[in-house]
Amino acid sequence: YLAFQDLIQNGDDIDGRGNNSYLHYSYDADQFTVVSWDLNLAFNTANVGGTGPGQGAGPGGGRPAAPGGTGGPGAVAGPSATQGAVGSGGTNVLSSRFLETERFQALYAEATTELTASLFASGQADAIVEAWTEVLSTEASDLVAPTTVASEAAAIVATFPTS
């Protein structure tokens, strides 16, 4: 979960602002699973500024996250509480405690490497964005201009890790 959230540059996840996730407990498996929601701040965007062309640098016209955050694509030491620096920050006790352990940091680094290879280096993420761009451009052109869809898709793809 943490590796994926960092790879999609979501600064509003359990390790960012510390909200926008739920824990689901499975009695059958005797384990918790983090359930992600509210991904509107993924792909290095923030809900600030206008939504028109030229009013921001990220998808949807949002401004990119403030520089200086740690974690994110390619990070191997694990995400930090300031990852993305979108919100007011703060720490999440759950992720902080996990990240204090060497074993979890190793699992995080392994997951980051595997996800980068399977989603980004393989071209799978690009193919997914391309497929959705086609669907939105052909099926929803009455709601949003195909040029807007293409522009925002390109902005999303530009945030993908390259290695």
N, C-alpha and C. Protein backbone atom coordinates (compact mmCIF):
# COMPACT_ATOMS: atom_id res chain seq x y z
N TYR A 1 0.83 -1.20 0.00
CA TYR A 1 0.00 0.00 0.00
C TYR A 1 0.87 1.26 0.00
N LEU A 2 1.81 1.34 0.94
CA LEU A 2 2.64 2.55 1.02
C LEU A 2 3.49 2.74 -0.23
N ALA A 3 4.05 1.67 -0.74
CA ALA A 3 4.87 1.77 -1.95
C ALA A 3 4.03 2.27 -3.13
N PHE A 4 2.84 1.70 -3.30
CA PHE A 4 1.98 2.12 -4.40
C PHE A 4 1.56 3.57 -4.25
N GLN A 5 1.16 3.97 -3.05
CA GLN A 5 0.75 5.36 -2.83
C GLN A 5 1.89 6.32 -3.14
N ASP A 6 3.11 5.95 -2.78
CA ASP A 6 4.25 6.80 -3.10
C ASP A 6 4.52 6.83 -4.60
N LEU A 7 4.38 5.70 -5.26
CA LEU A 7 4.63 5.66 -6.71
C LEU A 7 3.61 6.50 -7.48
N ILE A 8 2.38 6.59 -6.99
CA ILE A 8 1.39 7.43 -7.67
C ILE A 8 1.38 8.84 -7.07
N GLN A 9 2.33 9.10 -6.18
CA GLN A 9 2.53 10.42 -5.59
C GLN A 9 1.26 10.95 -4.92
N ASN A 10 0.64 10.11 -4.10
CA ASN A 10 -0.55 10.51 -3.37
C ASN A 10 -0.14 11.06 -2.02
N GLY A 11 -0.17 12.36 -1.87
CA GLY A 11 0.21 13.01 -0.62
C GLY A 11 -0.90 13.04 0.41
N ASP A 12 -2.03 12.43 0.10
CA ASP A 12 -3.18 12.46 1.01
C ASP A 12 -3.55 11.05 1.46
N ASP A 13 -2.55 10.20 1.57
CA ASP A 13 -2.80 8.83 2.00
C ASP A 13 -2.49 8.68 3.48
N ILE A 14 -2.49 7.46 3.96
CA ILE A 14 -2.27 7.21 5.38
C ILE A 14 -0.90 7.70 5.86
N ASP A 15 0.06 7.78 4.96
CA ASP A 15 1.40 8.23 5.32
C ASP A 15 1.63 9.70 4.98
N GLY A 16 0.69 10.32 4.32
CA GLY A 16 0.81 11.74 4.00
C GLY A 16 0.16 12.54 5.11
N ARG A 17 -1.03 12.97 4.88
CA ARG A 17 -1.77 13.70 5.90
C ARG A 17 -2.24 12.77 7.01
N GLY A 18 -2.24 11.49 6.73
CA GLY A 18 -2.65 10.54 7.75
C GLY A 18 -4.14 10.25 7.75
N ASN A 19 -4.81 10.63 6.69
CA ASN A 19 -6.22 10.30 6.58
C ASN A 19 -6.47 9.67 5.22
N ASN A 20 -7.69 9.60 4.81
CA ASN A 20 -8.09 9.05 3.52
C ASN A 20 -7.69 7.60 3.33
N SER A 21 -7.93 6.84 4.37
CA SER A 21 -7.79 5.40 4.28
C SER A 21 -8.56 4.80 5.45
N TYR A 22 -8.93 3.58 5.25
CA TYR A 22 -9.59 2.82 6.31
C TYR A 22 -8.80 1.56 6.55
N LEU A 23 -8.95 0.99 7.74
CA LEU A 23 -8.39 -0.32 8.01
C LEU A 23 -9.56 -1.31 8.04
N HIS A 24 -9.42 -2.37 7.28
CA HIS A 24 -10.42 -3.43 7.28
C HIS A 24 -9.82 -4.66 7.94
N TYR A 25 -10.51 -5.19 8.92
CA TYR A 25 -10.03 -6.39 9.59
C TYR A 25 -10.79 -7.60 9.08
N SER A 26 -10.06 -8.60 8.64
CA SER A 26 -10.66 -9.85 8.19
C SER A 26 -10.51 -10.88 9.30
N TYR A 27 -11.64 -11.34 9.82
CA TYR A 27 -11.60 -12.36 10.86
C TYR A 27 -11.10 -13.69 10.28
N ASP A 28 -11.43 -13.95 9.03
CA ASP A 28 -10.99 -15.20 8.40
C ASP A 28 -9.47 -15.25 8.24
N ALA A 29 -8.89 -14.14 7.81
CA ALA A 29 -7.43 -14.10 7.60
C ALA A 29 -6.67 -13.63 8.83
N ASP A 30 -7.40 -13.09 9.83
CA ASP A 30 -6.79 -12.56 11.04
C ASP A 30 -5.74 -11.50 10.70
N GLN A 31 -6.15 -10.55 9.82
CA GLN A 31 -5.23 -9.48 9.45
C GLN A 31 -5.99 -8.24 9.02
N PHE A 32 -5.30 -7.11 9.10
CA PHE A 32 -5.84 -5.85 8.64
C PHE A 32 -5.38 -5.59 7.21
N THR A 33 -6.19 -4.87 6.46
CA THR A 33 -5.84 -4.41 5.13
C THR A 33 -6.16 -2.92 5.06
N VAL A 34 -5.25 -2.14 4.51
CA VAL A 34 -5.51 -0.72 4.31
C VAL A 34 -6.38 -0.58 3.07
N VAL A 35 -7.48 0.13 3.21
CA VAL A 35 -8.39 0.38 2.10
C VAL A 35 -8.23 1.85 1.72
N SER A 36 -7.75 2.07 0.53
CA SER A 36 -7.49 3.42 0.04
C SER A 36 -8.78 4.05 -0.48
N TRP A 37 -8.89 5.36 -0.34
CA TRP A 37 -10.01 6.08 -0.93
C TRP A 37 -9.59 7.53 -1.13
N ASP A 38 -10.37 8.26 -1.89
CA ASP A 38 -10.14 9.69 -2.11
C ASP A 38 -8.75 9.95 -2.68
N LEU A 39 -8.54 9.53 -3.92
CA LEU A 39 -7.24 9.65 -4.57
C LEU A 39 -7.12 10.91 -5.43
N ASN A 40 -7.90 11.94 -5.13
CA ASN A 40 -7.87 13.14 -5.96
C ASN A 40 -6.55 13.91 -5.86
N LEU A 41 -5.72 13.58 -4.90
CA LEU A 41 -4.43 14.25 -4.79
C LEU A 41 -3.28 13.39 -5.30
N ALA A 42 -3.61 12.32 -6.00
CA ALA A 42 -2.58 11.46 -6.58
C ALA A 42 -1.97 12.14 -7.80
N PHE A 43 -0.89 11.60 -8.26
CA PHE A 43 -0.17 12.08 -9.44
C PHE A 43 0.32 13.50 -9.26
N ASN A 44 0.75 13.79 -8.02
CA ASN A 44 1.43 15.03 -7.71
C ASN A 44 0.56 16.27 -7.87
N THR A 45 -0.73 16.16 -7.55
CA THR A 45 -1.61 17.31 -7.64
C THR A 45 -2.12 17.70 -6.27
N ALA A 46 -2.65 18.90 -6.19
CA ALA A 46 -3.27 19.40 -4.97
C ALA A 46 -4.56 20.10 -5.34
N ASN A 47 -5.52 20.08 -4.48
CA ASN A 47 -6.80 20.75 -4.73
C ASN A 47 -6.72 22.21 -4.36
N VAL A 48 -5.92 22.94 -5.08
CA VAL A 48 -5.80 24.38 -4.87
C VAL A 48 -5.76 25.04 -6.23
N GLY A 49 -6.09 26.30 -6.28
CA GLY A 49 -6.02 27.02 -7.54
C GLY A 49 -7.20 26.73 -8.41
N GLY A 50 -7.13 27.23 -9.62
CA GLY A 50 -8.22 27.07 -10.57
C GLY A 50 -8.21 25.72 -11.23
N THR A 51 -9.23 25.51 -12.05
CA THR A 51 -9.31 24.25 -12.77
C THR A 51 -9.23 24.46 -14.26
N GLY A 52 -8.98 25.68 -14.67
CA GLY A 52 -8.90 25.95 -16.09
C GLY A 52 -7.50 25.79 -16.62
N PRO A 53 -7.37 25.80 -17.94
CA PRO A 53 -6.04 25.67 -18.55
C PRO A 53 -5.10 26.76 -18.06
N GLY A 54 -3.89 26.37 -17.78
CA GLY A 54 -2.87 27.33 -17.39
C GLY A 54 -2.96 27.78 -15.95
N GLN A 55 -3.90 27.25 -15.17
CA GLN A 55 -4.05 27.70 -13.80
C GLN A 55 -3.34 26.79 -12.81
N GLY A 56 -2.61 25.86 -13.30
CA GLY A 56 -1.87 24.96 -12.42
C GLY A 56 -0.98 24.10 -13.28
N ALA A 57 -0.11 23.36 -12.64
CA ALA A 57 0.83 22.56 -13.40
C ALA A 57 0.49 21.08 -13.38
N GLY A 58 -0.46 20.68 -12.57
CA GLY A 58 -0.78 19.26 -12.48
C GLY A 58 -2.05 18.93 -13.21
N PRO A 59 -2.39 17.65 -13.28
CA PRO A 59 -3.63 17.23 -13.90
C PRO A 59 -4.81 17.97 -13.26
N GLY A 60 -5.78 18.34 -14.06
CA GLY A 60 -6.97 19.01 -13.55
C GLY A 60 -6.72 20.45 -13.19
N GLY A 61 -5.56 20.99 -13.53
CA GLY A 61 -5.28 22.37 -13.19
C GLY A 61 -4.76 22.55 -11.78
N GLY A 62 -4.67 21.50 -11.02
CA GLY A 62 -4.15 21.61 -9.67
C GLY A 62 -2.67 21.91 -9.69
N ARG A 63 -2.19 22.43 -8.62
CA ARG A 63 -0.76 22.72 -8.54
C ARG A 63 -0.02 21.48 -8.08
N PRO A 64 1.19 21.30 -8.55
CA PRO A 64 1.96 20.14 -8.09
C PRO A 64 2.28 20.28 -6.61
N ALA A 65 2.53 19.18 -5.98
CA ALA A 65 2.89 19.19 -4.57
C ALA A 65 4.14 20.02 -4.35
N ALA A 66 4.25 20.59 -3.18
CA ALA A 66 5.40 21.42 -2.86
C ALA A 66 6.69 20.61 -2.90
N PRO A 67 7.76 21.21 -3.36
CA PRO A 67 9.03 20.49 -3.39
C PRO A 67 9.54 20.25 -1.98
N GLY A 68 10.45 19.30 -1.89
CA GLY A 68 11.10 19.07 -0.61
C GLY A 68 10.59 17.85 0.13
N GLY A 69 9.49 17.25 -0.37
CA GLY A 69 8.99 16.04 0.26
C GLY A 69 9.95 14.90 -0.01
N THR A 70 9.87 13.88 0.81
CA THR A 70 10.71 12.72 0.60
C THR A 70 9.82 11.55 0.25
N GLY A 71 10.38 10.44 -0.03
CA GLY A 71 9.59 9.30 -0.48
C GLY A 71 9.31 9.47 -1.95
N GLY A 72 8.24 8.90 -2.42
CA GLY A 72 7.86 9.04 -3.81
C GLY A 72 8.59 8.05 -4.68
N PRO A 73 8.44 8.19 -5.98
CA PRO A 73 8.98 7.22 -6.91
C PRO A 73 10.47 6.97 -6.71
N GLY A 74 10.81 5.72 -6.65
CA GLY A 74 12.20 5.34 -6.55
C GLY A 74 12.77 5.35 -5.14
N ALA A 75 11.98 5.82 -4.16
CA ALA A 75 12.49 5.86 -2.79
C ALA A 75 12.73 4.43 -2.30
N VAL A 76 13.83 4.24 -1.62
CA VAL A 76 14.10 2.90 -1.10
C VAL A 76 14.19 2.88 0.41
N ALA A 77 14.27 4.02 1.04
CA ALA A 77 14.38 4.04 2.49
C ALA A 77 13.01 4.07 3.15
N GLY A 78 11.97 4.10 2.35
CA GLY A 78 10.61 4.13 2.89
C GLY A 78 10.05 5.53 2.82
N PRO A 79 8.72 5.63 2.80
CA PRO A 79 8.09 6.94 2.73
C PRO A 79 8.25 7.69 4.04
N SER A 80 7.95 8.96 4.02
CA SER A 80 8.05 9.74 5.25
C SER A 80 6.73 10.45 5.49
N ALA A 81 6.59 11.03 6.65
CA ALA A 81 5.36 11.72 7.01
C ALA A 81 5.17 12.97 6.17
N THR A 82 6.21 13.47 5.53
CA THR A 82 6.08 14.66 4.71
C THR A 82 6.03 14.32 3.23
N GLN A 83 5.88 13.07 2.90
CA GLN A 83 5.86 12.62 1.50
C GLN A 83 4.83 13.43 0.74
N GLY A 84 5.25 14.04 -0.35
CA GLY A 84 4.36 14.83 -1.17
C GLY A 84 4.18 16.24 -0.65
N ALA A 85 4.28 16.46 0.62
CA ALA A 85 4.13 17.77 1.25
C ALA A 85 2.89 18.51 0.80
N VAL A 86 1.80 17.78 0.53
CA VAL A 86 0.57 18.41 0.06
C VAL A 86 -0.17 19.05 1.20
N GLY A 87 -0.30 18.36 2.30
CA GLY A 87 -1.12 18.85 3.39
C GLY A 87 -0.28 19.41 4.51
N SER A 88 -0.93 19.51 5.64
CA SER A 88 -0.23 20.06 6.79
C SER A 88 0.77 19.08 7.35
N GLY A 89 0.76 17.87 6.84
CA GLY A 89 1.73 16.88 7.29
C GLY A 89 1.34 16.29 8.62
N GLY A 90 2.30 15.77 9.28
CA GLY A 90 2.04 15.07 10.52
C GLY A 90 2.37 13.62 10.31
N THR A 91 2.40 12.89 11.39
CA THR A 91 2.74 11.50 11.25
C THR A 91 1.54 10.64 11.54
N ASN A 92 1.53 9.49 10.96
CA ASN A 92 0.53 8.49 11.24
C ASN A 92 1.23 7.42 12.06
N VAL A 93 0.72 7.17 13.25
CA VAL A 93 1.40 6.28 14.16
C VAL A 93 1.57 4.88 13.57
N LEU A 94 0.60 4.42 12.80
CA LEU A 94 0.69 3.09 12.22
C LEU A 94 1.84 2.99 11.23
N SER A 95 1.86 3.88 10.26
CA SER A 95 2.94 3.81 9.26
C SER A 95 4.29 4.15 9.89
N SER A 96 4.32 5.09 10.83
CA SER A 96 5.59 5.42 11.49
C SER A 96 6.18 4.23 12.21
N ARG A 97 5.35 3.49 12.91
CA ARG A 97 5.86 2.33 13.65
C ARG A 97 6.32 1.23 12.70
N PHE A 98 5.57 1.03 11.63
CA PHE A 98 6.02 0.03 10.65
C PHE A 98 7.36 0.43 10.05
N LEU A 99 7.50 1.69 9.71
CA LEU A 99 8.72 2.15 9.04
C LEU A 99 9.93 2.20 9.96
N GLU A 100 9.72 2.07 11.25
CA GLU A 100 10.84 2.02 12.19
C GLU A 100 11.54 0.66 12.16
N THR A 101 10.92 -0.32 11.55
CA THR A 101 11.52 -1.65 11.53
C THR A 101 12.26 -1.90 10.23
N GLU A 102 13.43 -2.50 10.35
CA GLU A 102 14.23 -2.80 9.16
C GLU A 102 13.50 -3.76 8.23
N ARG A 103 12.80 -4.73 8.80
CA ARG A 103 12.07 -5.72 7.98
C ARG A 103 11.02 -5.04 7.12
N PHE A 104 10.27 -4.12 7.70
CA PHE A 104 9.24 -3.43 6.92
C PHE A 104 9.88 -2.53 5.87
N GLN A 105 10.96 -1.86 6.20
CA GLN A 105 11.64 -1.02 5.23
C GLN A 105 12.12 -1.85 4.04
N ALA A 106 12.59 -3.06 4.33
CA ALA A 106 13.03 -3.96 3.25
C ALA A 106 11.83 -4.39 2.39
N LEU A 107 10.70 -4.68 3.03
CA LEU A 107 9.49 -5.05 2.28
C LEU A 107 9.00 -3.88 1.43
N TYR A 108 9.08 -2.68 1.99
CA TYR A 108 8.69 -1.48 1.25
C TYR A 108 9.58 -1.30 0.02
N ALA A 109 10.88 -1.43 0.19
CA ALA A 109 11.81 -1.28 -0.93
C ALA A 109 11.56 -2.34 -1.99
N GLU A 110 11.30 -3.57 -1.56
CA GLU A 110 11.01 -4.66 -2.49
C GLU A 110 9.71 -4.39 -3.25
N ALA A 111 8.69 -3.94 -2.55
CA ALA A 111 7.41 -3.63 -3.20
C ALA A 111 7.57 -2.48 -4.19
N THR A 112 8.35 -1.48 -3.83
CA THR A 112 8.59 -0.35 -4.73
C THR A 112 9.26 -0.82 -6.01
N THR A 113 10.26 -1.66 -5.88
CA THR A 113 10.98 -2.20 -7.04
C THR A 113 10.04 -3.03 -7.92
N GLU A 114 9.28 -3.92 -7.29
CA GLU A 114 8.37 -4.78 -8.05
C GLU A 114 7.27 -3.99 -8.75
N LEU A 115 6.68 -3.03 -8.05
CA LEU A 115 5.61 -2.23 -8.66
C LEU A 115 6.15 -1.34 -9.78
N THR A 116 7.34 -0.79 -9.58
CA THR A 116 7.93 0.03 -10.63
C THR A 116 8.15 -0.79 -11.89
N ALA A 117 8.64 -2.00 -11.72
CA ALA A 117 8.88 -2.87 -12.88
C ALA A 117 7.57 -3.30 -13.53
N SER A 118 6.61 -3.76 -12.74
CA SER A 118 5.39 -4.33 -13.31
C SER A 118 4.42 -3.28 -13.85
N LEU A 119 4.43 -2.09 -13.27
CA LEU A 119 3.50 -1.06 -13.74
C LEU A 119 4.12 -0.04 -14.68
N PHE A 120 5.30 0.42 -14.35
CA PHE A 120 5.87 1.55 -15.09
C PHE A 120 6.91 1.12 -16.12
N ALA A 121 7.90 0.36 -15.73
CA ALA A 121 8.92 -0.07 -16.69
C ALA A 121 8.32 -0.95 -17.78
N SER A 122 7.30 -1.72 -17.43
CA SER A 122 6.65 -2.61 -18.39
C SER A 122 5.76 -1.86 -19.38
N GLY A 123 5.40 -0.64 -19.06
CA GLY A 123 4.49 0.12 -19.91
C GLY A 123 3.02 -0.11 -19.57
N GLN A 124 2.74 -0.94 -18.56
CA GLN A 124 1.36 -1.24 -18.19
C GLN A 124 0.59 0.00 -17.77
N ALA A 125 1.19 0.86 -16.95
CA ALA A 125 0.50 2.08 -16.50
C ALA A 125 0.20 2.99 -17.69
N ASP A 126 1.14 3.11 -18.62
CA ASP A 126 0.90 3.92 -19.82
C ASP A 126 -0.29 3.36 -20.61
N ALA A 127 -0.35 2.02 -20.74
CA ALA A 127 -1.43 1.38 -21.48
C ALA A 127 -2.78 1.61 -20.81
N ILE A 128 -2.80 1.59 -19.50
CA ILE A 128 -4.05 1.85 -18.77
C ILE A 128 -4.52 3.27 -19.01
N VAL A 129 -3.61 4.23 -18.89
CA VAL A 129 -3.98 5.63 -19.13
C VAL A 129 -4.44 5.82 -20.57
N GLU A 130 -3.75 5.19 -21.51
CA GLU A 130 -4.14 5.30 -22.92
C GLU A 130 -5.54 4.73 -23.14
N ALA A 131 -5.83 3.59 -22.54
CA ALA A 131 -7.16 2.97 -22.70
C ALA A 131 -8.25 3.87 -22.13
N TRP A 132 -8.03 4.43 -20.95
CA TRP A 132 -9.03 5.31 -20.35
C TRP A 132 -9.15 6.63 -21.12
N THR A 133 -8.04 7.11 -21.67
CA THR A 133 -8.09 8.31 -22.49
C THR A 133 -8.98 8.08 -23.70
N GLU A 134 -8.85 6.92 -24.32
CA GLU A 134 -9.68 6.57 -25.47
C GLU A 134 -11.15 6.49 -25.09
N VAL A 135 -11.45 5.83 -23.99
CA VAL A 135 -12.85 5.70 -23.54
C VAL A 135 -13.44 7.07 -23.26
N LEU A 136 -12.73 7.89 -22.51
CA LEU A 136 -13.26 9.21 -22.17
C LEU A 136 -13.39 10.11 -23.40
N SER A 137 -12.44 10.01 -24.30
CA SER A 137 -12.47 10.86 -25.50
C SER A 137 -13.61 10.47 -26.43
N THR A 138 -13.94 9.20 -26.50
CA THR A 138 -15.00 8.77 -27.41
C THR A 138 -16.37 8.71 -26.76
N GLU A 139 -16.41 8.38 -25.48
CA GLU A 139 -17.70 8.16 -24.81
C GLU A 139 -18.16 9.32 -23.94
N ALA A 140 -17.28 10.24 -23.62
CA ALA A 140 -17.65 11.33 -22.72
C ALA A 140 -17.28 12.70 -23.29
N SER A 141 -17.14 12.78 -24.61
CA SER A 141 -16.72 14.05 -25.21
C SER A 141 -17.77 15.14 -25.04
N ASP A 142 -19.01 14.75 -24.71
CA ASP A 142 -20.04 15.75 -24.43
C ASP A 142 -19.87 16.35 -23.03
N LEU A 143 -19.08 15.69 -22.19
CA LEU A 143 -18.84 16.18 -20.84
C LEU A 143 -17.50 16.88 -20.68
N VAL A 144 -16.50 16.39 -21.39
CA VAL A 144 -15.17 16.98 -21.30
C VAL A 144 -14.51 16.86 -22.68
N ALA A 145 -13.86 17.93 -23.08
CA ALA A 145 -13.25 17.97 -24.41
C ALA A 145 -12.12 16.94 -24.51
N PRO A 146 -12.05 16.23 -25.63
CA PRO A 146 -10.95 15.27 -25.82
C PRO A 146 -9.57 15.89 -25.65
N THR A 147 -9.42 17.17 -25.98
CA THR A 147 -8.11 17.82 -25.79
C THR A 147 -7.78 17.94 -24.31
N THR A 148 -8.79 18.17 -23.48
CA THR A 148 -8.58 18.24 -22.04
C THR A 148 -8.20 16.87 -21.49
N VAL A 149 -8.89 15.85 -21.95
CA VAL A 149 -8.58 14.48 -21.53
C VAL A 149 -7.14 14.14 -21.91
N ALA A 150 -6.77 14.44 -23.15
CA ALA A 150 -5.42 14.13 -23.61
C ALA A 150 -4.36 14.90 -22.82
N SER A 151 -4.64 16.17 -22.54
CA SER A 151 -3.70 16.99 -21.79
C SER A 151 -3.52 16.47 -20.36
N GLU A 152 -4.62 16.13 -19.72
CA GLU A 152 -4.52 15.63 -18.35
C GLU A 152 -3.89 14.24 -18.31
N ALA A 153 -4.17 13.42 -19.30
CA ALA A 153 -3.53 12.10 -19.38
C ALA A 153 -2.02 12.26 -19.53
N ALA A 154 -1.60 13.19 -20.37
CA ALA A 154 -0.16 13.43 -20.55
C ALA A 154 0.48 13.92 -19.26
N ALA A 155 -0.23 14.76 -18.50
CA ALA A 155 0.30 15.26 -17.23
C ALA A 155 0.43 14.11 -16.22
N ILE A 156 -0.51 13.20 -16.22
CA ILE A 156 -0.43 12.04 -15.32
C ILE A 156 0.76 11.17 -15.70
N VAL A 157 0.87 10.85 -16.98
CA VAL A 157 1.97 9.99 -17.45
C VAL A 157 3.32 10.63 -17.14
N ALA A 158 3.38 11.95 -17.20
CA ALA A 158 4.64 12.65 -16.90
C ALA A 158 5.10 12.46 -15.46
N THR A 159 4.18 12.10 -14.57
CA THR A 159 4.56 11.87 -13.17
C THR A 159 5.07 10.46 -12.92
N PHE A 160 4.94 9.57 -13.89
CA PHE A 160 5.34 8.17 -13.69
C PHE A 160 6.86 8.08 -13.51
N PRO A 161 7.29 7.21 -12.61
CA PRO A 161 8.73 7.00 -12.45
C PRO A 161 9.32 6.42 -13.72
N THR A 162 10.55 6.79 -14.00
CA THR A 162 11.19 6.34 -15.23
C THR A 162 12.13 5.18 -15.00
N SER A 163 12.37 4.81 -13.78
CA SER A 163 13.26 3.67 -13.52
C SER A 163 12.74 2.85 -12.37
